[in-house]
Protein backbone atom coordinates (compact mmCIF):
# COMPACT_ATOMS: atom_id res chain seq x y z
CA MET A 1 113.53 88.53 111.54
CA LYS A 2 113.81 84.71 111.32
CA LYS A 3 113.15 84.84 107.58
CA LEU A 4 115.89 87.42 107.16
CA LEU A 5 118.34 85.29 109.16
CA PHE A 6 117.49 82.11 107.22
CA GLY A 7 117.73 84.03 103.95
CA LEU A 8 121.18 85.28 104.89
CA ILE A 9 122.30 81.76 105.81
CA ALA A 10 120.96 80.45 102.48
CA ILE A 11 122.81 83.16 100.53
CA ILE A 12 126.08 82.38 102.32
CA GLY A 13 125.60 78.66 101.66
CA VAL A 14 124.91 79.24 97.95
CA THR A 15 127.92 81.55 97.69
CA PHE A 16 130.30 78.95 99.12
CA THR A 17 128.78 76.17 97.03
CA SER A 18 129.03 78.13 93.79
CA ASN A 19 132.58 79.29 94.58
CA ALA A 20 133.64 75.69 95.15
CA GLN A 21 132.40 74.88 91.66
CA ILE A 22 131.52 71.35 92.66
CA LYS A 23 128.03 70.78 91.42
CA THR A 24 128.33 67.24 90.15
CA LYS A 25 130.08 64.00 90.97
CA ASP A 26 132.41 64.68 88.04
CA ASP A 27 133.43 68.02 89.59
CA ALA A 28 134.32 66.15 92.79
CA ARG A 29 136.18 63.53 90.76
CA LEU A 30 138.15 66.26 88.99
CA ALA A 31 139.17 67.91 92.29
CA SER A 32 140.24 64.49 93.59
CA ALA A 33 142.20 63.79 90.39
CA LYS A 34 144.09 67.08 90.61
CA THR A 35 144.95 66.36 94.24
CA PHE A 36 146.06 62.84 93.27
CA VAL A 37 148.38 64.24 90.56
CA SER A 38 149.95 66.64 93.08
CA PHE A 39 150.46 63.74 95.49
CA LYS A 40 151.89 61.53 92.73
CA LYS A 41 154.37 64.19 91.60
CA GLN A 42 155.81 64.40 95.07
CA LEU A 43 156.46 60.63 95.06
CA THR A 44 158.44 60.58 91.80
CA GLU A 45 161.83 60.31 93.50
CA ALA A 46 160.66 57.39 95.67
CA TYR A 47 159.35 55.61 92.56
CA LEU A 48 162.62 56.12 90.69
CA LYS A 49 164.51 54.53 93.60
CA SER A 50 162.17 51.50 93.59
CA THR A 51 162.32 48.19 91.78
CA ASP A 52 158.77 47.06 92.59
CA TYR A 53 155.74 48.05 94.66
CA SER A 54 157.19 46.63 97.89
CA SER A 55 160.35 48.71 97.60
CA PHE A 56 158.28 51.78 96.63
CA GLU A 57 156.15 51.38 99.77
CA LYS A 58 159.27 50.75 101.88
CA ASN A 59 160.98 53.86 100.46
CA LEU A 60 157.99 55.94 101.56
CA CYS A 61 156.78 54.30 104.76
CA GLY A 62 159.97 52.82 106.15
CA ASN A 63 158.97 50.63 109.10
CA TRP A 64 155.49 52.09 109.42
CA ASN A 65 152.61 49.62 109.35
CA ASN A 66 150.68 51.02 106.36
CA THR A 67 146.86 51.04 106.53
CA LYS A 68 144.57 49.47 103.95
CA GLU A 69 143.57 52.93 102.65
CA GLY A 70 147.23 53.99 102.48
CA LYS A 71 148.22 50.83 100.62
CA TYR A 72 145.35 51.29 98.16
CA LEU A 73 146.39 54.87 97.38
CA LEU A 74 150.09 54.04 97.06
CA ASN A 75 149.24 51.11 94.80
CA GLU A 76 147.23 53.44 92.55
CA VAL A 77 150.18 55.84 92.38
CA TYR A 78 152.64 53.02 91.68
CA THR A 79 150.43 51.62 88.91
CA TYR A 80 150.21 55.01 87.19
CA PHE A 81 153.99 55.42 87.43
CA LYS A 82 154.58 51.89 86.13
CA ASN A 83 152.21 52.44 83.19
CA LYS A 84 153.77 55.87 82.50
CA THR A 85 150.31 57.45 82.55
CA SER A 86 150.43 61.18 81.88
CA ASP A 87 149.06 63.65 84.40
CA GLU A 88 146.57 64.83 81.78
CA LYS A 89 145.23 61.31 81.32
CA ILE A 90 144.98 60.83 85.09
CA ILE A 91 143.03 64.07 85.44
CA ALA A 92 140.70 62.99 82.64
CA SER A 93 140.10 59.44 83.88
CA TYR A 94 140.92 59.01 87.59
CA ASP A 95 137.75 57.97 89.48
CA GLY A 96 138.83 59.66 92.72
CA ILE A 97 137.66 56.88 95.03
CA GLY A 98 141.10 55.99 96.42
CA MET A 99 141.90 59.62 97.15
CA ALA A 100 138.45 60.20 98.69
CA LYS A 101 138.86 57.17 101.00
CA ALA A 102 142.33 58.33 102.02
CA LEU A 103 141.11 61.90 102.65
CA GLN A 104 138.19 60.54 104.68
CA PHE A 105 140.62 58.46 106.76
CA GLN A 106 142.78 61.52 107.42
CA GLN A 107 139.76 63.70 108.17
CA ASP A 108 138.56 61.16 110.75
CA ILE A 109 142.02 61.18 112.36
CA TYR A 110 142.14 65.00 112.43
CA THR A 111 138.75 65.03 114.17
CA LYS A 112 140.10 62.76 116.92
CA ASN A 113 143.53 64.41 117.09
CA PRO A 114 143.69 67.98 115.72
CA LYS A 115 147.49 67.96 116.22
CA SER A 116 147.91 65.01 113.86
CA ASP A 117 150.45 65.43 111.08
CA GLY A 118 148.48 63.15 108.72
CA SER A 119 151.00 60.31 108.69
CA GLU A 120 148.60 57.80 110.30
CA LEU A 121 147.14 57.02 106.87
CA PHE A 122 150.43 55.32 106.06
CA GLY A 123 151.03 53.94 109.56
CA GLY A 124 153.03 56.91 110.84
CA PRO A 125 153.26 58.12 114.43
CA SER A 126 151.15 61.31 113.99
CA ASP A 127 153.44 63.35 116.20
CA ASN A 128 155.62 65.14 113.63
CA SER A 129 158.54 62.85 114.46
CA THR A 130 158.46 61.36 110.99
CA THR A 131 161.00 58.61 110.60
CA SER A 132 160.05 57.62 107.08
CA SER A 133 162.24 58.66 104.22
CA ASN A 134 161.58 62.00 102.64
CA PRO A 135 161.14 61.17 98.97
CA THR A 136 161.28 64.82 98.01
CA SER A 137 164.51 65.78 99.72
CA LYS A 138 165.89 67.54 96.63
CA VAL A 139 162.71 69.46 95.84
CA ALA A 140 161.00 72.06 98.00
CA TYR A 141 157.32 71.23 98.60
CA PRO A 142 155.03 73.03 101.02
CA CYS A 143 153.48 69.71 102.13
CA ARG A 144 154.98 66.51 103.43
CA TRP A 145 154.19 63.71 101.00
CA TYR A 146 151.55 62.13 103.25
CA GLN A 147 149.59 65.34 104.01
CA LEU A 148 146.80 64.91 101.47
CA SER A 149 144.63 67.78 102.66
CA CYS A 150 147.68 70.04 102.31
CA HIS A 151 147.96 68.99 98.65
CA LEU A 152 144.26 69.84 98.23
CA ASN A 153 144.75 73.24 99.88
CA GLN A 154 147.79 74.02 97.71
CA ILE A 155 145.69 73.55 94.59
CA PHE A 156 142.45 75.20 95.65
CA GLY A 157 143.38 77.41 98.64
CA ALA A 158 142.73 76.67 102.32
CA GLU A 159 139.10 77.83 102.46
CA MET A 160 138.08 76.23 99.18
CA GLY A 161 140.14 73.11 99.97
CA GLY A 162 138.07 72.54 103.11
CA ILE A 163 134.81 72.90 101.20
CA LEU A 164 136.03 70.61 98.43
CA LEU A 165 137.29 68.11 100.98
CA ASN A 166 133.96 67.72 102.71
CA TYR A 167 131.73 67.82 99.65
CA GLY A 168 134.09 65.84 97.43
CA ILE A 169 134.44 63.00 99.91
CA CYS A 170 130.73 62.60 100.50
CA THR A 171 129.93 62.88 96.78
CA LEU A 172 132.53 60.35 95.62
CA LEU A 173 131.84 57.90 98.44
CA GLY A 174 128.07 58.35 98.26
CA THR A 175 127.74 59.30 101.92
CA CYS A 176 125.81 62.57 101.50
């Protein structure tokens, strides 16, 4: 009976792993890059209203005290905007580390506070009382700009997004 139970668990594990289609570090990088592009697209309006990185960050975070991981990710986004890098080039070349660190930060926060809205990454209050500007006010998005796991779930679906989140983070950051 134990062998049957362990066999069933192994089959379920293999099924989820193969469905996630993340078998290599490059697969994890690709999932991170697609999530990054989704995140970047939502920040277009904030970039267009900015004159430099400081104003870009201020447009997004307002008076929030941005974290080091949040600043790193926003700086990556700003640099790609500034260099006019195409989404296709980002998907082909983005290393995924900044997104993985940001997702890890948010995942750690969600573990401590399941009611978090994800804004803590950028210094927000985490209580859905967002006072930062909404850089996507003219466009309907299912996620707030700072909800990175929501971007991941929009691309890959909620169940697959969770699998990709956990495996992608540990693969890209070398923690698994």
